[in-house]
Amino acid sequence: MKVYTGQTTGEKLKKIIELDMGVMISSNPNTTPSKDLSRVYCALDNGAFSCFRKGYPFQADVFRQTIKACYKHNITLDFIVCPDIVCGGLDSLSFSMKWAAGELLGSPNLALVMQDGMKPQDISVGYHLKHFSYIFIGGSVGWKWKTAEEWVRFAKDNNKKVHIGQCGRLQYLERARDLGVDSVDSTSFTVNNSFHIVEELNGKQLRLLA
């Protein structure tokens, strides 16, 4: 299971490399992806959650600029999180589809975000899923973990990879691993310098394999 964390430099970036972690590049008007990130595996967050927390609408221009910056610095992206609406249910699905079938059409590595209120039966394999390679389990914390097992099963049944956002606690990492999730992310490892949580997860995995 891949673990992505926030953008950083210096010693923290060295720690990310040491632990074989990745970086979730966030679309942010104050942060430009560094060419140093080409040294690690990366994915691109659209920045909708950050805007939501600050009370702003989605900043499409910042998202576009961040994509261009990643391309300029030759940063390979495992996936791009398609623009969504935080806790937006079916409105979020419609919003994501406008991007997937519009500006992002042809991108082979888009992630469709699941938000509060969405159900597997709302997702059409022929209409929605053909645009996406990842199912991204987002939404509120309670809804996310209540529905995670169902979404993982849905993703695997449809040959899609699955990612869970905001997994900064050991209990979340362990739950995601046990569900067979492909990847998770949390900026808290860099923000709080809490790499020991990932080290503890890795240590437990090694003991299980022994």
C-alpha atoms as a PDB file:
ATOM      1  CA  MET A   1       0.000   0.000   0.000  1.00  0.00           C
ATOM      2  CA  LYS A   2       1.441   3.347  -1.046  1.00  0.00           C
ATOM      3  CA  VAL A   3       1.370   6.181   1.484  1.00  0.00           C
ATOM      4  CA  TYR A   4       1.410   9.751   0.169  1.00  0.00           C
ATOM      5  CA  THR A   5       2.006  12.829   2.284  1.00  0.00           C
ATOM      6  CA  GLY A   6       2.279  16.581   1.760  1.00  0.00           C
ATOM      7  CA  GLN A   7       4.792  18.561  -0.270  1.00  0.00           C
ATOM      8  CA  THR A   8       8.047  19.278   1.518  1.00  0.00           C
ATOM      9  CA  THR A   9      11.780  19.743   1.039  1.00  0.00           C
ATOM     10  CA  GLY A  10      15.068  19.130   2.845  1.00  0.00           C
ATOM     11  CA  GLU A  11      15.259  16.548   5.617  1.00  0.00           C
ATOM     12  CA  LYS A  12      11.570  15.719   5.459  1.00  0.00           C
ATOM     13  CA  LEU A  13      11.846  14.899   1.767  1.00  0.00           C
ATOM     14  CA  LYS A  14      14.810  12.656   2.582  1.00  0.00           C
ATOM     15  CA  LYS A  15      12.610  10.921   5.168  1.00  0.00           C
ATOM     16  CA  ILE A  16       9.888  10.387   2.568  1.00  0.00           C
ATOM     17  CA  ILE A  17      12.428   8.775   0.250  1.00  0.00           C
ATOM     18  CA  GLU A  18      13.832   6.648   3.088  1.00  0.00           C
ATOM     19  CA  LEU A  19      10.369   5.317   3.962  1.00  0.00           C
ATOM     20  CA  ASP A  20       9.450   4.793   0.280  1.00  0.00           C
ATOM     21  CA  MET A  21       6.525   7.189   0.632  1.00  0.00           C
ATOM     22  CA  GLY A  22       5.044   9.413  -2.046  1.00  0.00           C
ATOM     23  CA  VAL A  23       3.892  13.021  -2.220  1.00  0.00           C
ATOM     24  CA  MET A  24       0.342  14.199  -2.800  1.00  0.00           C
ATOM     25  CA  ILE A  25       0.828  17.474  -4.644  1.00  0.00           C
ATOM     26  CA  SER A  26      -1.935  19.890  -3.716  1.00  0.00           C
ATOM     27  CA  SER A  27      -3.228  22.618  -6.014  1.00  0.00           C
ATOM     28  CA  ASN A  28      -2.436  25.695  -3.959  1.00  0.00           C
ATOM     29  CA  PRO A  29      -1.925  29.294  -5.141  1.00  0.00           C
ATOM     30  CA  ASN A  30       0.998  29.712  -2.737  1.00  0.00           C
ATOM     31  CA  THR A  31       2.874  26.514  -3.568  1.00  0.00           C
ATOM     32  CA  THR A  32       4.515  25.477  -6.819  1.00  0.00           C
ATOM     33  CA  PRO A  33       5.599  21.837  -7.204  1.00  0.00           C
ATOM     34  CA  SER A  34       9.377  21.533  -6.878  1.00  0.00           C
ATOM     35  CA  LYS A  35      11.400  19.678  -9.497  1.00  0.00           C
ATOM     36  CA  ASP A  36      12.808  17.674  -6.556  1.00  0.00           C
ATOM     37  CA  LEU A  37       9.480  15.847  -6.427  1.00  0.00           C
ATOM     38  CA  SER A  38      10.495  13.995  -9.583  1.00  0.00           C
ATOM     39  CA  ARG A  39      12.589  11.868  -7.183  1.00  0.00           C
ATOM     40  CA  VAL A  40       9.511  10.308  -5.563  1.00  0.00           C
ATOM     41  CA  TYR A  41       6.216   8.922  -6.781  1.00  0.00           C
ATOM     42  CA  CYS A  42       3.471  11.544  -6.757  1.00  0.00           C
ATOM     43  CA  ALA A  43      -0.236  12.124  -7.267  1.00  0.00           C
ATOM     44  CA  LEU A  44      -2.100  15.395  -7.770  1.00  0.00           C
ATOM     45  CA  ASP A  45      -4.896  16.606  -5.508  1.00  0.00           C
ATOM     46  CA  ASN A  46      -7.261  19.141  -7.060  1.00  0.00           C
ATOM     47  CA  GLY A  47      -7.303  21.438  -3.998  1.00  0.00           C
ATOM     48  CA  ALA A  48     -11.086  21.344  -3.489  1.00  0.00           C
ATOM     49  CA  PHE A  49     -10.813  20.246   0.146  1.00  0.00           C
ATOM     50  CA  SER A  50      -8.413  23.061   0.992  1.00  0.00           C
ATOM     51  CA  CYS A  51     -10.767  25.590  -0.631  1.00  0.00           C
ATOM     52  CA  PHE A  52     -13.718  24.081   1.249  1.00  0.00           C
ATOM     53  CA  ARG A  53     -11.965  24.406   4.617  1.00  0.00           C
ATOM     54  CA  LYS A  54     -11.157  28.068   3.927  1.00  0.00           C
ATOM     55  CA  GLY A  55     -14.616  28.928   2.658  1.00  0.00           C
ATOM     56  CA  TYR A  56     -13.681  29.423  -0.997  1.00  0.00           C
ATOM     57  CA  PRO A  57     -15.145  27.924  -4.172  1.00  0.00           C
ATOM     58  CA  PHE A  58     -13.013  25.545  -6.195  1.00  0.00           C
ATOM     59  CA  GLN A  59     -10.086  27.363  -7.822  1.00  0.00           C
ATOM     60  CA  ALA A  60     -10.006  25.891 -11.322  1.00  0.00           C
ATOM     61  CA  ASP A  61      -7.247  28.200 -12.528  1.00  0.00           C
ATOM     62  CA  VAL A  62      -4.923  27.088  -9.708  1.00  0.00           C
ATOM     63  CA  PHE A  63      -5.635  23.442 -10.556  1.00  0.00           C
ATOM     64  CA  ARG A  64      -4.728  24.046 -14.186  1.00  0.00           C
ATOM     65  CA  GLN A  65      -1.532  25.900 -13.224  1.00  0.00           C
ATOM     66  CA  THR A  66      -0.460  23.052 -10.945  1.00  0.00           C
ATOM     67  CA  ILE A  67      -0.914  20.495 -13.708  1.00  0.00           C
ATOM     68  CA  LYS A  68       1.251  22.639 -15.977  1.00  0.00           C
ATOM     69  CA  ALA A  69       3.938  22.951 -13.290  1.00  0.00           C
ATOM     70  CA  CYS A  70       4.053  19.167 -12.787  1.00  0.00           C
ATOM     71  CA  TYR A  71       4.413  18.690 -16.535  1.00  0.00           C
ATOM     72  CA  LYS A  72       7.148  21.338 -16.705  1.00  0.00           C
ATOM     73  CA  HIS A  73       9.187  19.634 -13.972  1.00  0.00           C
ATOM     74  CA  ASN A  74       8.728  16.169 -15.496  1.00  0.00           C
ATOM     75  CA  ILE A  75       6.861  14.910 -12.426  1.00  0.00           C
ATOM     76  CA  THR A  76       5.150  11.584 -13.097  1.00  0.00           C
ATOM     77  CA  LEU A  77       1.689  11.422 -11.533  1.00  0.00           C
ATOM     78  CA  ASP A  78       0.232   8.089 -10.431  1.00  0.00           C
ATOM     79  CA  PHE A  79      -3.181   9.724 -10.643  1.00  0.00           C
ATOM     80  CA  ILE A  80      -4.940  13.093 -10.803  1.00  0.00           C
ATOM     81  CA  VAL A  81      -7.864  13.686  -8.463  1.00  0.00           C
ATOM     82  CA  CYS A  82     -10.698  14.904 -10.665  1.00  0.00           C
ATOM     83  CA  PRO A  83     -12.341  18.114  -9.350  1.00  0.00           C
ATOM     84  CA  ASP A  84     -15.173  17.363  -6.931  1.00  0.00           C
ATOM     85  CA  ILE A  85     -17.467  18.991  -4.369  1.00  0.00           C
ATOM     86  CA  VAL A  86     -16.667  18.159  -0.747  1.00  0.00           C
ATOM     87  CA  CYS A  87     -19.599  16.255   0.845  1.00  0.00           C
ATOM     88  CA  GLY A  88     -21.523  17.092  -2.340  1.00  0.00           C
ATOM     89  CA  GLY A  89     -23.099  13.740  -3.144  1.00  0.00           C
ATOM     90  CA  LEU A  90     -24.517  13.439  -6.648  1.00  0.00           C
ATOM     91  CA  ASP A  91     -23.751  17.098  -7.367  1.00  0.00           C
ATOM     92  CA  SER A  92     -20.099  16.195  -6.875  1.00  0.00           C
ATOM     93  CA  LEU A  93     -20.441  13.284  -9.293  1.00  0.00           C
ATOM     94  CA  SER A  94     -21.944  15.553 -11.960  1.00  0.00           C
ATOM     95  CA  PHE A  95     -19.231  18.159 -11.395  1.00  0.00           C
ATOM     96  CA  SER A  96     -16.489  15.546 -11.719  1.00  0.00           C
ATOM     97  CA  MET A  97     -17.995  14.211 -14.927  1.00  0.00           C
ATOM     98  CA  LYS A  98     -17.944  17.667 -16.538  1.00  0.00           C
ATOM     99  CA  TRP A  99     -14.179  17.739 -15.997  1.00  0.00           C
ATOM    100  CA  ALA A 100     -13.541  14.095 -16.900  1.00  0.00           C
ATOM    101  CA  ALA A 101     -15.467  14.373 -20.153  1.00  0.00           C
ATOM    102  CA  GLY A 102     -14.228  17.914 -20.778  1.00  0.00           C
ATOM    103  CA  GLU A 103     -10.813  19.432 -20.026  1.00  0.00           C
ATOM    104  CA  LEU A 104      -9.395  16.207 -18.597  1.00  0.00           C
ATOM    105  CA  LEU A 105     -10.691  13.955 -21.356  1.00  0.00           C
ATOM    106  CA  GLY A 106      -7.990  11.536 -22.439  1.00  0.00           C
ATOM    107  CA  SER A 107      -6.095  11.513 -19.155  1.00  0.00           C
ATOM    108  CA  PRO A 108      -5.396   7.828 -18.403  1.00  0.00           C
ATOM    109  CA  ASN A 109      -5.041   8.211 -14.648  1.00  0.00           C
ATOM    110  CA  LEU A 110      -8.009  10.103 -13.216  1.00  0.00           C
ATOM    111  CA  ALA A 111      -9.446   9.416  -9.755  1.00  0.00           C
ATOM    112  CA  LEU A 112     -13.179   9.782  -9.119  1.00  0.00           C
ATOM    113  CA  VAL A 113     -13.907  11.015  -5.599  1.00  0.00           C
ATOM    114  CA  MET A 114     -16.714   9.382  -3.621  1.00  0.00           C
ATOM    115  CA  GLN A 115     -18.556  11.906  -1.439  1.00  0.00           C
ATOM    116  CA  ASP A 116     -21.218  11.688   1.279  1.00  0.00           C
ATOM    117  CA  GLY A 117     -24.508  10.403  -0.090  1.00  0.00           C
ATOM    118  CA  MET A 118     -23.095   8.619  -3.125  1.00  0.00           C
ATOM    119  CA  LYS A 119     -23.808   4.919  -3.552  1.00  0.00           C
ATOM    120  CA  PRO A 120     -22.296   2.304  -5.899  1.00  0.00           C
ATOM    121  CA  GLN A 121     -25.583   2.065  -7.787  1.00  0.00           C
ATOM    122  CA  ASP A 122     -25.203   5.751  -8.676  1.00  0.00           C
ATOM    123  CA  ILE A 123     -22.057   4.978 -10.655  1.00  0.00           C
ATOM    124  CA  SER A 124     -22.531   3.757 -14.217  1.00  0.00           C
ATOM    125  CA  VAL A 125     -19.755   1.467 -15.438  1.00  0.00           C
ATOM    126  CA  GLY A 126     -20.276   2.472 -19.064  1.00  0.00           C
ATOM    127  CA  TYR A 127     -20.822   6.187 -18.511  1.00  0.00           C
ATOM    128  CA  HIS A 128     -18.848   7.195 -15.409  1.00  0.00           C
ATOM    129  CA  LEU A 129     -16.147   4.611 -14.790  1.00  0.00           C
ATOM    130  CA  LYS A 130     -14.787   4.523 -18.332  1.00  0.00           C
ATOM    131  CA  HIS A 131     -13.101   7.867 -17.597  1.00  0.00           C
ATOM    132  CA  PHE A 132     -11.389   6.772 -14.378  1.00  0.00           C
ATOM    133  CA  SER A 133      -8.680   4.375 -13.218  1.00  0.00           C
ATOM    134  CA  TYR A 134      -9.058   5.117  -9.492  1.00  0.00           C
ATOM    135  CA  ILE A 135     -11.866   5.261  -6.963  1.00  0.00           C
ATOM    136  CA  PHE A 136     -10.954   7.860  -4.320  1.00  0.00           C
ATOM    137  CA  ILE A 137     -12.855   7.473  -1.039  1.00  0.00           C
ATOM    138  CA  GLY A 138     -13.286  10.986   0.325  1.00  0.00           C
ATOM    139  CA  GLY A 139     -16.117  12.682   2.189  1.00  0.00           C
ATOM    140  CA  SER A 140     -16.596  13.178   5.906  1.00  0.00           C
ATOM    141  CA  VAL A 141     -14.640  10.963   8.301  1.00  0.00           C
ATOM    142  CA  GLY A 142     -17.692   9.096   9.612  1.00  0.00           C
ATOM    143  CA  TRP A 143     -19.185   8.432   6.175  1.00  0.00           C
ATOM    144  CA  LYS A 144     -15.828   7.451   4.707  1.00  0.00           C
ATOM    145  CA  TRP A 145     -15.102   4.641   7.136  1.00  0.00           C
ATOM    146  CA  LYS A 146     -18.711   3.488   7.316  1.00  0.00           C
ATOM    147  CA  THR A 147     -18.806   2.929   3.561  1.00  0.00           C
ATOM    148  CA  ALA A 148     -15.129   2.161   2.809  1.00  0.00           C
ATOM    149  CA  GLU A 149     -15.495  -1.618   2.587  1.00  0.00           C
ATOM    150  CA  GLU A 150     -18.385  -1.292   0.131  1.00  0.00           C
ATOM    151  CA  TRP A 151     -16.432   1.127  -2.078  1.00  0.00           C
ATOM    152  CA  VAL A 152     -13.319  -1.053  -2.055  1.00  0.00           C
ATOM    153  CA  ARG A 153     -15.382  -4.038  -3.163  1.00  0.00           C
ATOM    154  CA  PHE A 154     -17.012  -1.910  -5.890  1.00  0.00           C
ATOM    155  CA  ALA A 155     -13.610  -0.696  -7.125  1.00  0.00           C
ATOM    156  CA  LYS A 156     -12.101  -4.175  -7.232  1.00  0.00           C
ATOM    157  CA  ASP A 157     -15.181  -5.626  -8.959  1.00  0.00           C
ATOM    158  CA  ASN A 158     -14.662  -3.060 -11.706  1.00  0.00           C
ATOM    159  CA  ASN A 159     -10.870  -3.408 -11.980  1.00  0.00           C
ATOM    160  CA  LYS A 160     -10.175   0.030 -10.529  1.00  0.00           C
ATOM    161  CA  LYS A 161      -7.538   0.943  -7.993  1.00  0.00           C
ATOM    162  CA  VAL A 162      -8.729   2.477  -4.740  1.00  0.00           C
ATOM    163  CA  HIS A 163      -7.349   5.345  -2.663  1.00  0.00           C
ATOM    164  CA  ILE A 164      -8.476   6.718   0.715  1.00  0.00           C
ATOM    165  CA  GLY A 165      -7.796  10.308   1.738  1.00  0.00           C
ATOM    166  CA  GLN A 166      -6.916  11.704   5.178  1.00  0.00           C
ATOM    167  CA  CYS A 167      -5.361   8.629   6.757  1.00  0.00           C
ATOM    168  CA  GLY A 168      -3.035  10.290   9.251  1.00  0.00           C
ATOM    169  CA  ARG A 169      -3.684   7.917  12.167  1.00  0.00           C
ATOM    170  CA  LEU A 170      -2.275   4.438  12.604  1.00  0.00           C
ATOM    171  CA  GLN A 171      -5.775   2.991  13.005  1.00  0.00           C
ATOM    172  CA  TYR A 172      -6.774   4.429   9.619  1.00  0.00           C
ATOM    173  CA  LEU A 173      -3.640   3.114   7.924  1.00  0.00           C
ATOM    174  CA  GLU A 174      -4.189  -0.344   9.361  1.00  0.00           C
ATOM    175  CA  ARG A 175      -7.856  -0.355   8.375  1.00  0.00           C
ATOM    176  CA  ALA A 176      -6.997   0.692   4.811  1.00  0.00           C
ATOM    177  CA  ARG A 177      -4.303  -1.986   4.583  1.00  0.00           C
ATOM    178  CA  ASP A 178      -6.698  -4.643   5.859  1.00  0.00           C
ATOM    179  CA  LEU A 179      -9.269  -3.603   3.254  1.00  0.00           C
ATOM    180  CA  GLY A 180      -6.718  -4.099   0.477  1.00  0.00           C
ATOM    181  CA  VAL A 181      -6.544  -0.436  -0.506  1.00  0.00           C
ATOM    182  CA  ASP A 182      -3.891   0.491  -3.083  1.00  0.00           C
ATOM    183  CA  SER A 183      -2.943   3.841  -1.566  1.00  0.00           C
ATOM    184  CA  VAL A 184      -3.739   6.442   1.112  1.00  0.00           C
ATOM    185  CA  ASP A 185      -2.654   9.963   1.927  1.00  0.00           C
ATOM    186  CA  SER A 186      -2.277  12.450   4.764  1.00  0.00           C
ATOM    187  CA  THR A 187      -0.431  15.761   4.950  1.00  0.00           C
ATOM    188  CA  SER A 188      -0.087  15.306   8.723  1.00  0.00           C
ATOM    189  CA  PHE A 189       3.068  13.211   8.372  1.00  0.00           C
ATOM    190  CA  THR A 190       4.953  16.233   7.043  1.00  0.00           C
ATOM    191  CA  VAL A 191       2.988  18.952   8.855  1.00  0.00           C
ATOM    192  CA  ASN A 192       3.326  17.263  12.266  1.00  0.00           C
ATOM    193  CA  ASN A 193       6.545  15.398  11.528  1.00  0.00           C
ATOM    194  CA  SER A 194       4.738  12.198  12.488  1.00  0.00           C
ATOM    195  CA  PHE A 195       6.666   9.785  10.273  1.00  0.00           C
ATOM    196  CA  HIS A 196       6.886   7.423  13.262  1.00  0.00           C
ATOM    197  CA  ILE A 197       3.291   6.397  12.482  1.00  0.00           C
ATOM    198  CA  VAL A 198       4.323   5.115   9.052  1.00  0.00           C
ATOM    199  CA  GLU A 199       7.400   3.472  10.578  1.00  0.00           C
ATOM    200  CA  GLU A 200       5.148   1.692  13.084  1.00  0.00           C
ATOM    201  CA  LEU A 201       2.874   0.501  10.264  1.00  0.00           C
ATOM    202  CA  ASN A 202       5.880  -0.781   8.305  1.00  0.00           C
ATOM    203  CA  GLY A 203       7.234  -2.528  11.379  1.00  0.00           C
ATOM    204  CA  LYS A 204       3.945  -4.319  11.989  1.00  0.00           C
ATOM    205  CA  GLN A 205       3.795  -5.409   8.349  1.00  0.00           C
ATOM    206  CA  LEU A 206       7.290  -6.873   8.560  1.00  0.00           C
ATOM    207  CA  ARG A 207       6.368  -8.786  11.706  1.00  0.00           C
ATOM    208  CA  LEU A 208       3.293 -10.191   9.950  1.00  0.00           C
ATOM    209  CA  LEU A 209       5.470 -11.401   7.075  1.00  0.00           C
ATOM    210  CA  ALA A 210       8.064 -12.956   9.367  1.00  0.00           C
END
